[in-house]
């Protein structure tokens, strides 16, 4: 398996949330041309990114359309009560997340 991106928060880095969201959007747009990106794992507050109205919804939809697996943590989705607001029907389990991470050639965590 190629590269797996892990998004553990709803922004990139720490500090100003507006800036963190802006640079995350830029990062995801650039990743669309990244040939070996296989999956994006989202957990904790990162699952907010896969909801309708997310500031990076368009970028995630584009990546999913290009074959990237979008894997939001099901427990996290339930914890935040986001089941009815997701961009994608699929949610993942910890077993699937761990198998995806273990099978990756490279893991990038933001």
PDB file of N, CA and C in Angstrom:
ATOM      1  N   UNK A   1       0.845  -1.180   0.000  1.00  0.00           N
ATOM      2  CA  UNK A   1       0.000   0.000   0.000  1.00  0.00           C
ATOM      3  C   UNK A   1       0.883   1.232   0.000  1.00  0.00           C
ATOM      4  N   UNK A   2       0.435   2.282  -0.598  1.00  0.00           N
ATOM      5  CA  UNK A   2       1.197   3.518  -0.698  1.00  0.00           C
ATOM      6  C   UNK A   2       1.168   4.331   0.580  1.00  0.00           C
ATOM      7  N   UNK A   3       0.902   5.608   0.427  1.00  0.00           N
ATOM      8  CA  UNK A   3       0.922   6.558   1.533  1.00  0.00           C
ATOM      9  C   UNK A   3      -0.455   6.691   2.166  1.00  0.00           C
ATOM     10  N   UNK A   4      -0.467   6.804   3.493  1.00  0.00           N
ATOM     11  CA  UNK A   4      -1.685   7.065   4.252  1.00  0.00           C
ATOM     12  C   UNK A   4      -1.490   8.371   5.008  1.00  0.00           C
ATOM     13  N   UNK A   5      -2.468   9.252   4.892  1.00  0.00           N
ATOM     14  CA  UNK A   5      -2.464  10.520   5.615  1.00  0.00           C
ATOM     15  C   UNK A   5      -3.370  10.381   6.826  1.00  0.00           C
ATOM     16  N   UNK A   6      -2.899  10.835   7.981  1.00  0.00           N
ATOM     17  CA  UNK A   6      -3.687  10.812   9.206  1.00  0.00           C
ATOM     18  C   UNK A   6      -4.020  12.243   9.597  1.00  0.00           C
ATOM     19  N   UNK A   7      -5.316  12.518   9.746  1.00  0.00           N
ATOM     20  CA  UNK A   7      -5.788  13.827  10.202  1.00  0.00           C
ATOM     21  C   UNK A   7      -6.430  13.633  11.567  1.00  0.00           C
ATOM     22  N   UNK A   8      -5.758  14.109  12.599  1.00  0.00           N
ATOM     23  CA  UNK A   8      -6.233  13.875  13.959  1.00  0.00           C
ATOM     24  C   UNK A   8      -6.943  15.078  14.560  1.00  0.00           C
ATOM     25  N   UNK A   9      -6.911  16.197  13.850  1.00  0.00           N
ATOM     26  CA  UNK A   9      -7.634  17.391  14.282  1.00  0.00           C
ATOM     27  C   UNK A   9      -8.325  18.004  13.071  1.00  0.00           C
ATOM     28  N   UNK A  10      -9.122  19.024  13.317  1.00  0.00           N
ATOM     29  CA  UNK A  10      -9.854  19.665  12.224  1.00  0.00           C
ATOM     30  C   UNK A  10      -9.109  20.844  11.626  1.00  0.00           C
ATOM     31  N   UNK A  11      -7.802  20.910  11.887  1.00  0.00           N
ATOM     32  CA  UNK A  11      -6.954  21.933  11.286  1.00  0.00           C
ATOM     33  C   UNK A  11      -5.535  21.390  11.185  1.00  0.00           C
ATOM     34  N   UNK A  12      -4.689  22.106  10.487  1.00  0.00           N
ATOM     35  CA  UNK A  12      -3.294  21.686  10.341  1.00  0.00           C
ATOM     36  C   UNK A  12      -2.440  22.493  11.308  1.00  0.00           C
ATOM     37  N   UNK A  13      -1.741  21.802  12.184  1.00  0.00           N
ATOM     38  CA  UNK A  13      -0.881  22.470  13.146  1.00  0.00           C
ATOM     39  C   UNK A  13      -1.652  23.031  14.325  1.00  0.00           C
ATOM     40  N   UNK A  14      -0.939  23.762  15.135  1.00  0.00           N
ATOM     41  CA  UNK A  14      -1.521  24.405  16.310  1.00  0.00           C
ATOM     42  C   UNK A  14      -1.432  25.908  16.132  1.00  0.00           C
ATOM     43  N   UNK A  15      -2.249  26.606  16.856  1.00  0.00           N
ATOM     44  CA  UNK A  15      -2.242  28.063  16.748  1.00  0.00           C
ATOM     45  C   UNK A  15      -3.550  28.556  16.186  1.00  0.00           C
ATOM     46  N   UNK A  16      -3.484  29.539  15.328  1.00  0.00           N
ATOM     47  CA  UNK A  16      -4.673  30.184  14.778  1.00  0.00           C
ATOM     48  C   UNK A  16      -5.521  29.179  13.990  1.00  0.00           C
ATOM     49  N   UNK A  17      -6.769  28.920  14.432  1.00  0.00           N
ATOM     50  CA  UNK A  17      -7.621  27.949  13.741  1.00  0.00           C
ATOM     51  C   UNK A  17      -7.930  28.335  12.294  1.00  0.00           C
ATOM     52  N   UNK A  18      -8.101  29.613  12.020  1.00  0.00           N
ATOM     53  CA  UNK A  18      -8.390  30.047  10.651  1.00  0.00           C
ATOM     54  C   UNK A  18      -7.224  29.724   9.730  1.00  0.00           C
ATOM     55  N   UNK A  19      -6.018  29.998  10.188  1.00  0.00           N
ATOM     56  CA  UNK A  19      -4.829  29.676   9.403  1.00  0.00           C
ATOM     57  C   UNK A  19      -4.671  28.164   9.262  1.00  0.00           C
ATOM     58  N   UNK A  20      -4.905  27.430  10.335  1.00  0.00           N
ATOM     59  CA  UNK A  20      -4.785  25.977  10.291  1.00  0.00           C
ATOM     60  C   UNK A  20      -5.732  25.348   9.284  1.00  0.00           C
ATOM     61  N   UNK A  21      -6.946  25.876   9.189  1.00  0.00           N
ATOM     62  CA  UNK A  21      -7.921  25.377   8.218  1.00  0.00           C
ATOM     63  C   UNK A  21      -7.507  25.748   6.801  1.00  0.00           C
ATOM     64  N   UNK A  22      -7.012  26.952   6.645  1.00  0.00           N
ATOM     65  CA  UNK A  22      -6.585  27.418   5.315  1.00  0.00           C
ATOM     66  C   UNK A  22      -5.440  26.565   4.774  1.00  0.00           C
ATOM     67  N   UNK A  23      -4.428  26.333   5.579  1.00  0.00           N
ATOM     68  CA  UNK A  23      -3.283  25.571   5.074  1.00  0.00           C
ATOM     69  C   UNK A  23      -3.623  24.086   4.916  1.00  0.00           C
ATOM     70  N   UNK A  24      -4.573  23.587   5.699  1.00  0.00           N
ATOM     71  CA  UNK A  24      -5.021  22.210   5.496  1.00  0.00           C
ATOM     72  C   UNK A  24      -5.703  22.071   4.141  1.00  0.00           C
ATOM     73  N   UNK A  25      -6.536  23.042   3.777  1.00  0.00           N
ATOM     74  CA  UNK A  25      -7.177  23.020   2.458  1.00  0.00           C
ATOM     75  C   UNK A  25      -6.149  23.017   1.342  1.00  0.00           C
ATOM     76  N   UNK A  26      -5.127  23.848   1.475  1.00  0.00           N
ATOM     77  CA  UNK A  26      -4.058  23.896   0.473  1.00  0.00           C
ATOM     78  C   UNK A  26      -3.341  22.552   0.399  1.00  0.00           C
ATOM     79  N   UNK A  27      -3.050  21.979   1.541  1.00  0.00           N
ATOM     80  CA  UNK A  27      -2.367  20.682   1.587  1.00  0.00           C
ATOM     81  C   UNK A  27      -3.193  19.609   0.880  1.00  0.00           C
ATOM     82  N   UNK A  28      -4.486  19.550   1.159  1.00  0.00           N
ATOM     83  CA  UNK A  28      -5.336  18.536   0.538  1.00  0.00           C
ATOM     84  C   UNK A  28      -5.462  18.743  -0.965  1.00  0.00           C
ATOM     85  N   UNK A  29      -5.513  19.996  -1.412  1.00  0.00           N
ATOM     86  CA  UNK A  29      -5.554  20.259  -2.859  1.00  0.00           C
ATOM     87  C   UNK A  29      -4.273  19.770  -3.524  1.00  0.00           C
ATOM     88  N   UNK A  30      -3.136  19.998  -2.898  1.00  0.00           N
ATOM     89  CA  UNK A  30      -1.854  19.546  -3.449  1.00  0.00           C
ATOM     90  C   UNK A  30      -1.769  18.022  -3.451  1.00  0.00           C
ATOM     91  N   UNK A  31      -2.345  17.388  -2.443  1.00  0.00           N
ATOM     92  CA  UNK A  31      -2.304  15.926  -2.356  1.00  0.00           C
ATOM     93  C   UNK A  31      -3.098  15.254  -3.471  1.00  0.00           C
ATOM     94  N   UNK A  32      -4.028  15.974  -4.077  1.00  0.00           N
ATOM     95  CA  UNK A  32      -4.817  15.393  -5.166  1.00  0.00           C
ATOM     96  C   UNK A  32      -3.914  14.935  -6.308  1.00  0.00           C
ATOM     97  N   UNK A  33      -2.738  15.545  -6.448  1.00  0.00           N
ATOM     98  CA  UNK A  33      -1.816  15.144  -7.509  1.00  0.00           C
ATOM     99  C   UNK A  33      -0.727  14.194  -6.994  1.00  0.00           C
ATOM    100  N   UNK A  34      -0.801  13.833  -5.741  1.00  0.00           N
ATOM    101  CA  UNK A  34       0.149  12.932  -5.096  1.00  0.00           C
ATOM    102  C   UNK A  34      -0.199  11.515  -5.510  1.00  0.00           C
ATOM    103  N   UNK A  35       0.581  10.910  -6.347  1.00  0.00           N
ATOM    104  CA  UNK A  35       0.230   9.649  -6.976  1.00  0.00           C
ATOM    105  C   UNK A  35       0.022   8.456  -6.073  1.00  0.00           C
ATOM    106  N   UNK A  36       0.723   8.377  -4.948  1.00  0.00           N
ATOM    107  CA  UNK A  36       0.621   7.151  -4.161  1.00  0.00           C
ATOM    108  C   UNK A  36      -0.230   7.293  -2.899  1.00  0.00           C
ATOM    109  N   UNK A  37      -1.042   8.349  -2.802  1.00  0.00           N
ATOM    110  CA  UNK A  37      -1.918   8.493  -1.644  1.00  0.00           C
ATOM    111  C   UNK A  37      -3.044   7.473  -1.741  1.00  0.00           C
ATOM    112  N   UNK A  38      -3.092   6.560  -0.788  1.00  0.00           N
ATOM    113  CA  UNK A  38      -4.069   5.467  -0.801  1.00  0.00           C
ATOM    114  C   UNK A  38      -5.273   5.761   0.082  1.00  0.00           C
ATOM    115  N   UNK A  39      -5.021   6.392   1.254  1.00  0.00           N
ATOM    116  CA  UNK A  39      -6.104   6.555   2.220  1.00  0.00           C
ATOM    117  C   UNK A  39      -5.852   7.767   3.098  1.00  0.00           C
ATOM    118  N   UNK A  40      -6.957   8.297   3.626  1.00  0.00           N
ATOM    119  CA  UNK A  40      -6.903   9.336   4.649  1.00  0.00           C
ATOM    120  C   UNK A  40      -7.677   8.801   5.847  1.00  0.00           C
ATOM    121  N   UNK A  41      -6.995   8.699   6.980  1.00  0.00           N
ATOM    122  CA  UNK A  41      -7.590   8.258   8.228  1.00  0.00           C
ATOM    123  C   UNK A  41      -7.889   9.511   9.054  1.00  0.00           C
ATOM    124  N   UNK A  42      -9.116   9.600   9.563  1.00  0.00           N
ATOM    125  CA  UNK A  42      -9.501  10.745  10.381  1.00  0.00           C
ATOM    126  C   UNK A  42      -9.999  10.249  11.728  1.00  0.00           C
ATOM    127  N   UNK A  43      -9.472  10.820  12.790  1.00  0.00           N
ATOM    128  CA  UNK A  43      -9.962  10.449  14.114  1.00  0.00           C
ATOM    129  C   UNK A  43      -9.986  11.672  15.010  1.00  0.00           C
ATOM    130  N   UNK A  44     -10.563  11.494  16.196  1.00  0.00           N
ATOM    131  CA  UNK A  44     -10.819  12.569  17.146  1.00  0.00           C
ATOM    132  C   UNK A  44     -11.493  13.730  16.417  1.00  0.00           C
ATOM    133  N   UNK A  45     -11.094  14.974  16.655  1.00  0.00           N
ATOM    134  CA  UNK A  45     -11.811  16.089  16.025  1.00  0.00           C
ATOM    135  C   UNK A  45     -11.580  16.161  14.521  1.00  0.00           C
ATOM    136  N   UNK A  46     -10.666  15.359  13.997  1.00  0.00           N
ATOM    137  CA  UNK A  46     -10.459  15.306  12.551  1.00  0.00           C
ATOM    138  C   UNK A  46     -11.688  14.831  11.792  1.00  0.00           C
ATOM    139  N   UNK A  47     -12.578  14.075  12.465  1.00  0.00           N
ATOM    140  CA  UNK A  47     -13.775  13.591  11.788  1.00  0.00           C
ATOM    141  C   UNK A  47     -14.723  14.727  11.397  1.00  0.00           C
ATOM    142  N   UNK A  48     -14.588  15.882  12.019  1.00  0.00           N
ATOM    143  CA  UNK A  48     -15.416  17.037  11.634  1.00  0.00           C
ATOM    144  C   UNK A  48     -15.146  17.445  10.182  1.00  0.00           C
ATOM    145  N   UNK A  49     -14.008  17.087   9.658  1.00  0.00           N
ATOM    146  CA  UNK A  49     -13.648  17.460   8.291  1.00  0.00           C
ATOM    147  C   UNK A  49     -14.471  16.727   7.243  1.00  0.00           C
ATOM    148  N   UNK A  50     -15.077  15.591   7.594  1.00  0.00           N
ATOM    149  CA  UNK A  50     -15.858  14.827   6.615  1.00  0.00           C
ATOM    150  C   UNK A  50     -17.360  15.077   6.758  1.00  0.00           C
ATOM    151  N   UNK A  51     -17.714  16.242   7.263  1.00  0.00           N
ATOM    152  CA  UNK A  51     -19.125  16.606   7.375  1.00  0.00           C
ATOM    153  C   UNK A  51     -19.497  17.619   6.299  1.00  0.00           C
ATOM    154  N   UNK A  52     -20.782  17.622   5.956  1.00  0.00           N
ATOM    155  CA  UNK A  52     -21.281  18.627   5.015  1.00  0.00           C
ATOM    156  C   UNK A  52     -21.021  20.003   5.619  1.00  0.00           C
ATOM    157  N   UNK A  53     -20.541  20.912   4.807  1.00  0.00           N
ATOM    158  CA  UNK A  53     -20.218  22.249   5.282  1.00  0.00           C
ATOM    159  C   UNK A  53     -18.791  22.391   5.781  1.00  0.00           C
ATOM    160  N   UNK A  54     -18.041  21.307   5.782  1.00  0.00           N
ATOM    161  CA  UNK A  54     -16.644  21.362   6.191  1.00  0.00           C
ATOM    162  C   UNK A  54     -15.883  22.287   5.250  1.00  0.00           C
ATOM    163  N   UNK A  55     -14.927  23.061   5.771  1.00  0.00           N
ATOM    164  CA  UNK A  55     -14.158  23.954   4.902  1.00  0.00           C
ATOM    165  C   UNK A  55     -13.275  23.221   3.896  1.00  0.00           C
ATOM    166  N   UNK A  56     -13.097  21.912   4.068  1.00  0.00           N
ATOM    167  CA  UNK A  56     -12.289  21.133   3.124  1.00  0.00           C
ATOM    168  C   UNK A  56     -13.115  20.029   2.463  1.00  0.00           C
ATOM    169  N   UNK A  57     -14.428  20.173   2.469  1.00  0.00           N
ATOM    170  CA  UNK A  57     -15.312  19.159   1.882  1.00  0.00           C
ATOM    171  C   UNK A  57     -14.990  18.926   0.414  1.00  0.00           C
ATOM    172  N   UNK A  58     -14.832  19.991  -0.356  1.00  0.00           N
ATOM    173  CA  UNK A  58     -14.573  19.852  -1.797  1.00  0.00           C
ATOM    174  C   UNK A  58     -13.276  19.085  -2.048  1.00  0.00           C
ATOM    175  N   UNK A  59     -12.260  19.366  -1.269  1.00  0.00           N
ATOM    176  CA  UNK A  59     -10.976  18.691  -1.441  1.00  0.00           C
ATOM    177  C   UNK A  59     -11.090  17.199  -1.119  1.00  0.00           C
ATOM    178  N   UNK A  60     -11.817  16.868  -0.048  1.00  0.00           N
ATOM    179  CA  UNK A  60     -11.980  15.461   0.315  1.00  0.00           C
ATOM    180  C   UNK A  60     -12.818  14.709  -0.707  1.00  0.00           C
ATOM    181  N   UNK A  61     -13.847  15.336  -1.233  1.00  0.00           N
ATOM    182  CA  UNK A  61     -14.664  14.701  -2.266  1.00  0.00           C
ATOM    183  C   UNK A  61     -13.810  14.434  -3.503  1.00  0.00           C
ATOM    184  N   UNK A  62     -12.997  15.395  -3.897  1.00  0.00           N
ATOM    185  CA  UNK A  62     -12.114  15.216  -5.052  1.00  0.00           C
ATOM    186  C   UNK A  62     -11.153  14.048  -4.822  1.00  0.00           C
ATOM    187  N   UNK A  63     -10.566  13.987  -3.652  1.00  0.00           N
ATOM    188  CA  UNK A  63      -9.650  12.887  -3.350  1.00  0.00           C
ATOM    189  C   UNK A  63     -10.371  11.542  -3.377  1.00  0.00           C
ATOM    190  N   UNK A  64     -11.569  11.501  -2.821  1.00  0.00           N
ATOM    191  CA  UNK A  64     -12.340  10.259  -2.825  1.00  0.00           C
ATOM    192  C   UNK A  64     -12.698   9.846  -4.252  1.00  0.00           C
ATOM    193  N   UNK A  65     -13.039  10.809  -5.085  1.00  0.00           N
ATOM    194  CA  UNK A  65     -13.352  10.522  -6.487  1.00  0.00           C
ATOM    195  C   UNK A  65     -12.132   9.998  -7.239  1.00  0.00           C
ATOM    196  N   UNK A  66     -10.947  10.358  -6.796  1.00  0.00           N
ATOM    197  CA  UNK A  66      -9.708   9.894  -7.416  1.00  0.00           C
ATOM    198  C   UNK A  66      -9.225   8.573  -6.831  1.00  0.00           C
ATOM    199  N   UNK A  67     -10.046   7.959  -5.986  1.00  0.00           N
ATOM    200  CA  UNK A  67      -9.723   6.634  -5.484  1.00  0.00           C
ATOM    201  C   UNK A  67      -9.090   6.559  -4.115  1.00  0.00           C
ATOM    202  N   UNK A  68      -8.982   7.684  -3.431  1.00  0.00           N
ATOM    203  CA  UNK A  68      -8.415   7.679  -2.087  1.00  0.00           C
ATOM    204  C   UNK A  68      -9.501   7.224  -1.105  1.00  0.00           C
ATOM    205  N   UNK A  69      -9.193   6.245  -0.269  1.00  0.00           N
ATOM    206  CA  UNK A  69     -10.133   5.797   0.760  1.00  0.00           C
ATOM    207  C   UNK A  69     -10.184   6.835   1.869  1.00  0.00           C
ATOM    208  N   UNK A  70     -11.377   7.280   2.211  1.00  0.00           N
ATOM    209  CA  UNK A  70     -11.580   8.223   3.302  1.00  0.00           C
ATOM    210  C   UNK A  70     -12.128   7.414   4.472  1.00  0.00           C
ATOM    211  N   UNK A  71     -11.372   7.359   5.565  1.00  0.00           N
ATOM    212  CA  UNK A  71     -11.683   6.459   6.673  1.00  0.00           C
ATOM    213  C   UNK A  71     -11.884   7.216   7.992  1.00  0.00           C
ATOM    214  N   UNK A  72     -13.074   7.770   8.219  1.00  0.00           N
ATOM    215  CA  UNK A  72     -13.327   8.405   9.512  1.00  0.00           C
ATOM    216  C   UNK A  72     -13.599   7.355  10.591  1.00  0.00           C
ATOM    217  N   UNK A  73     -13.077   7.572  11.754  1.00  0.00           N
ATOM    218  CA  UNK A  73     -13.271   6.677  12.894  1.00  0.00           C
ATOM    219  C   UNK A  73     -14.744   6.672  13.297  1.00  0.00           C
ATOM    220  N   UNK A  74     -15.352   5.490  13.279  1.00  0.00           N
ATOM    221  CA  UNK A  74     -16.765   5.368  13.626  1.00  0.00           C
ATOM    222  C   UNK A  74     -17.066   5.766  15.060  1.00  0.00           C
ATOM    223  N   UNK A  75     -16.199   5.386  15.991  1.00  0.00           N
ATOM    224  CA  UNK A  75     -16.396   5.762  17.396  1.00  0.00           C
ATOM    225  C   UNK A  75     -16.362   7.277  17.556  1.00  0.00           C
ATOM    226  N   UNK A  76     -15.466   7.927  16.845  1.00  0.00           N
ATOM    227  CA  UNK A  76     -15.345   9.391  16.921  1.00  0.00           C
ATOM    228  C   UNK A  76     -16.567  10.067  16.304  1.00  0.00           C
ATOM    229  N   UNK A  77     -17.023   9.546  15.172  1.00  0.00           N
ATOM    230  CA  UNK A  77     -18.226  10.080  14.526  1.00  0.00           C
ATOM    231  C   UNK A  77     -19.399  10.007  15.490  1.00  0.00           C
ATOM    232  N   UNK A  78     -19.554   8.868  16.148  1.00  0.00           N
ATOM    233  CA  UNK A  78     -20.639   8.710  17.119  1.00  0.00           C
ATOM    234  C   UNK A  78     -20.463   9.650  18.311  1.00  0.00           C
ATOM    235  N   UNK A  79     -19.246   9.753  18.809  1.00  0.00           N
ATOM    236  CA  UNK A  79     -18.972  10.613  19.977  1.00  0.00           C
ATOM    237  C   UNK A  79     -19.398  12.053  19.720  1.00  0.00           C
ATOM    238  N   UNK A  80     -19.099  12.550  18.530  1.00  0.00           N
ATOM    239  CA  UNK A  80     -19.440  13.933  18.180  1.00  0.00           C
ATOM    240  C   UNK A  80     -20.863  14.063  17.608  1.00  0.00           C
ATOM    241  N   UNK A  81     -21.582  12.949  17.457  1.00  0.00           N
ATOM    242  CA  UNK A  81     -22.955  12.995  16.957  1.00  0.00           C
ATOM    243  C   UNK A  81     -23.061  13.437  15.509  1.00  0.00           C
ATOM    244  N   UNK A  82     -22.131  12.996  14.677  1.00  0.00           N
ATOM    245  CA  UNK A  82     -22.048  13.469  13.289  1.00  0.00           C
ATOM    246  C   UNK A  82     -22.650  12.501  12.264  1.00  0.00           C
ATOM    247  N   UNK A  83     -23.278  11.423  12.716  1.00  0.00           N
ATOM    248  CA  UNK A  83     -23.753  10.379  11.812  1.00  0.00           C
ATOM    249  C   UNK A  83     -24.629  10.916  10.680  1.00  0.00           C
ATOM    250  N   UNK A  84     -25.452  11.896  10.951  1.00  0.00           N
ATOM    251  CA  UNK A  84     -26.386  12.415   9.946  1.00  0.00           C
ATOM    252  C   UNK A  84     -25.817  13.570   9.130  1.00  0.00           C
ATOM    253  N   UNK A  85     -24.536  13.871   9.310  1.00  0.00           N
ATOM    254  CA  UNK A  85     -23.944  15.035   8.648  1.00  0.00           C
ATOM    255  C   UNK A  85     -22.745  14.694   7.778  1.00  0.00           C
ATOM    256  N   UNK A  86     -22.503  13.409   7.549  1.00  0.00           N
ATOM    257  CA  UNK A  86     -21.292  12.971   6.851  1.00  0.00           C
ATOM    258  C   UNK A  86     -21.384  13.164   5.339  1.00  0.00           C
ATOM    259  N   UNK A  87     -20.257  13.501   4.739  1.00  0.00           N
ATOM    260  CA  UNK A  87     -20.136  13.595   3.279  1.00  0.00           C
ATOM    261  C   UNK A  87     -20.180  12.215   2.630  1.00  0.00           C
ATOM    262  N   UNK A  88     -19.680  11.228   3.328  1.00  0.00           N
ATOM    263  CA  UNK A  88     -19.551   9.875   2.800  1.00  0.00           C
ATOM    264  C   UNK A  88     -20.304   8.918   3.721  1.00  0.00           C
ATOM    265  N   UNK A  89     -20.867   7.877   3.149  1.00  0.00           N
ATOM    266  CA  UNK A  89     -21.611   6.906   3.952  1.00  0.00           C
ATOM    267  C   UNK A  89     -20.701   6.037   4.806  1.00  0.00           C
ATOM    268  N   UNK A  90     -19.510   5.805   4.321  1.00  0.00           N
ATOM    269  CA  UNK A  90     -18.610   4.856   4.975  1.00  0.00           C
ATOM    270  C   UNK A  90     -17.956   5.458   6.219  1.00  0.00           C
ATOM    271  N   UNK A  91     -17.994   4.692   7.297  1.00  0.00           N
ATOM    272  CA  UNK A  91     -17.185   4.986   8.476  1.00  0.00           C
ATOM    273  C   UNK A  91     -16.337   3.749   8.741  1.00  0.00           C
ATOM    274  N   UNK A  92     -15.251   3.922   9.436  1.00  0.00           N
ATOM    275  CA  UNK A  92     -14.343   2.800   9.638  1.00  0.00           C
ATOM    276  C   UNK A  92     -14.319   2.383  11.099  1.00  0.00           C
ATOM    277  N   UNK A  93     -13.667   1.286  11.319  1.00  0.00           N
ATOM    278  CA  UNK A  93     -13.478   0.761  12.674  1.00  0.00           C
ATOM    279  C   UNK A  93     -11.998   0.874  13.035  1.00  0.00           C
ATOM    280  N   UNK A  94     -11.711   0.708  14.303  1.00  0.00           N
ATOM    281  CA  UNK A  94     -10.309   0.731  14.728  1.00  0.00           C
ATOM    282  C   UNK A  94      -9.538  -0.411  14.071  1.00  0.00           C
ATOM    283  N   UNK A  95     -10.182  -1.559  13.871  1.00  0.00           N
ATOM    284  CA  UNK A  95      -9.504  -2.664  13.192  1.00  0.00           C
ATOM    285  C   UNK A  95      -9.084  -2.257  11.783  1.00  0.00           C
ATOM    286  N   UNK A  96      -9.987  -1.610  11.046  1.00  0.00           N
ATOM    287  CA  UNK A  96      -9.674  -1.179   9.679  1.00  0.00           C
ATOM    288  C   UNK A  96      -8.609  -0.091   9.671  1.00  0.00           C
ATOM    289  N   UNK A  97      -8.703   0.842  10.604  1.00  0.00           N
ATOM    290  CA  UNK A  97      -7.704   1.913  10.685  1.00  0.00           C
ATOM    291  C   UNK A  97      -6.319   1.321  10.960  1.00  0.00           C
ATOM    292  N   UNK A  98      -6.239   0.421  11.933  1.00  0.00           N
ATOM    293  CA  UNK A  98      -4.936  -0.177  12.263  1.00  0.00           C
ATOM    294  C   UNK A  98      -4.381  -1.009  11.117  1.00  0.00           C
ATOM    295  N   UNK A  99      -5.233  -1.750  10.428  1.00  0.00           N
ATOM    296  CA  UNK A  99      -4.785  -2.541   9.277  1.00  0.00           C
ATOM    297  C   UNK A  99      -4.281  -1.631   8.160  1.00  0.00           C
ATOM    298  N   UNK A 100      -4.964  -0.509   7.943  1.00  0.00           N
ATOM    299  CA  UNK A 100      -4.554   0.447   6.918  1.00  0.00           C
ATOM    300  C   UNK A 100      -3.201   1.059   7.264  1.00  0.00           C
ATOM    301  N   UNK A 101      -3.032   1.459   8.512  1.00  0.00           N
ATOM    302  CA  UNK A 101      -1.754   2.036   8.938  1.00  0.00           C
ATOM    303  C   UNK A 101      -0.627   1.012   8.877  1.00  0.00           C
ATOM    304  N   UNK A 102      -0.905  -0.211   9.295  1.00  0.00           N
ATOM    305  CA  UNK A 102       0.116  -1.259   9.295  1.00  0.00           C
ATOM    306  C   UNK A 102       0.546  -1.638   7.880  1.00  0.00           C
ATOM    307  N   UNK A 103      -0.374  -1.542   6.935  1.00  0.00           N
ATOM    308  CA  UNK A 103      -0.068  -1.918   5.560  1.00  0.00           C
ATOM    309  C   UNK A 103       0.518  -0.806   4.714  1.00  0.00           C
ATOM    310  N   UNK A 104       0.610   0.384   5.274  1.00  0.00           N
ATOM    311  CA  UNK A 104       1.095   1.527   4.507  1.00  0.00           C
ATOM    312  C   UNK A 104       2.611   1.496   4.334  1.00  0.00           C
ATOM    313  N   UNK A 105       3.058   1.945   3.171  1.00  0.00           N
ATOM    314  CA  UNK A 105       4.490   2.125   2.953  1.00  0.00           C
ATOM    315  C   UNK A 105       4.986   3.348   3.723  1.00  0.00           C
ATOM    316  N   UNK A 106       4.105   4.349   3.820  1.00  0.00           N
ATOM    317  CA  UNK A 106       4.463   5.594   4.496  1.00  0.00           C
ATOM    318  C   UNK A 106       3.214   6.163   5.147  1.00  0.00           C
ATOM    319  N   UNK A 107       3.349   6.699   6.379  1.00  0.00           N
ATOM    320  CA  UNK A 107       2.244   7.348   7.080  1.00  0.00           C
ATOM    321  C   UNK A 107       2.649   8.782   7.375  1.00  0.00           C
ATOM    322  N   UNK A 108       1.801   9.726   6.975  1.00  0.00           N
ATOM    323  CA  UNK A 108       2.024  11.140   7.246  1.00  0.00           C
ATOM    324  C   UNK A 108       0.940  11.573   8.223  1.00  0.00           C
ATOM    325  N   UNK A 109       1.325  12.103   9.378  1.00  0.00           N
ATOM    326  CA  UNK A 109       0.358  12.558  10.375  1.00  0.00           C
ATOM    327  C   UNK A 109       0.419  14.063  10.497  1.00  0.00           C
ATOM    328  N   UNK A 110      -0.755  14.687  10.338  1.00  0.00           N
ATOM    329  CA  UNK A 110      -0.841  16.142  10.475  1.00  0.00           C
ATOM    330  C   UNK A 110      -1.605  16.487  11.742  1.00  0.00           C
TER     331      UNK A 110
END
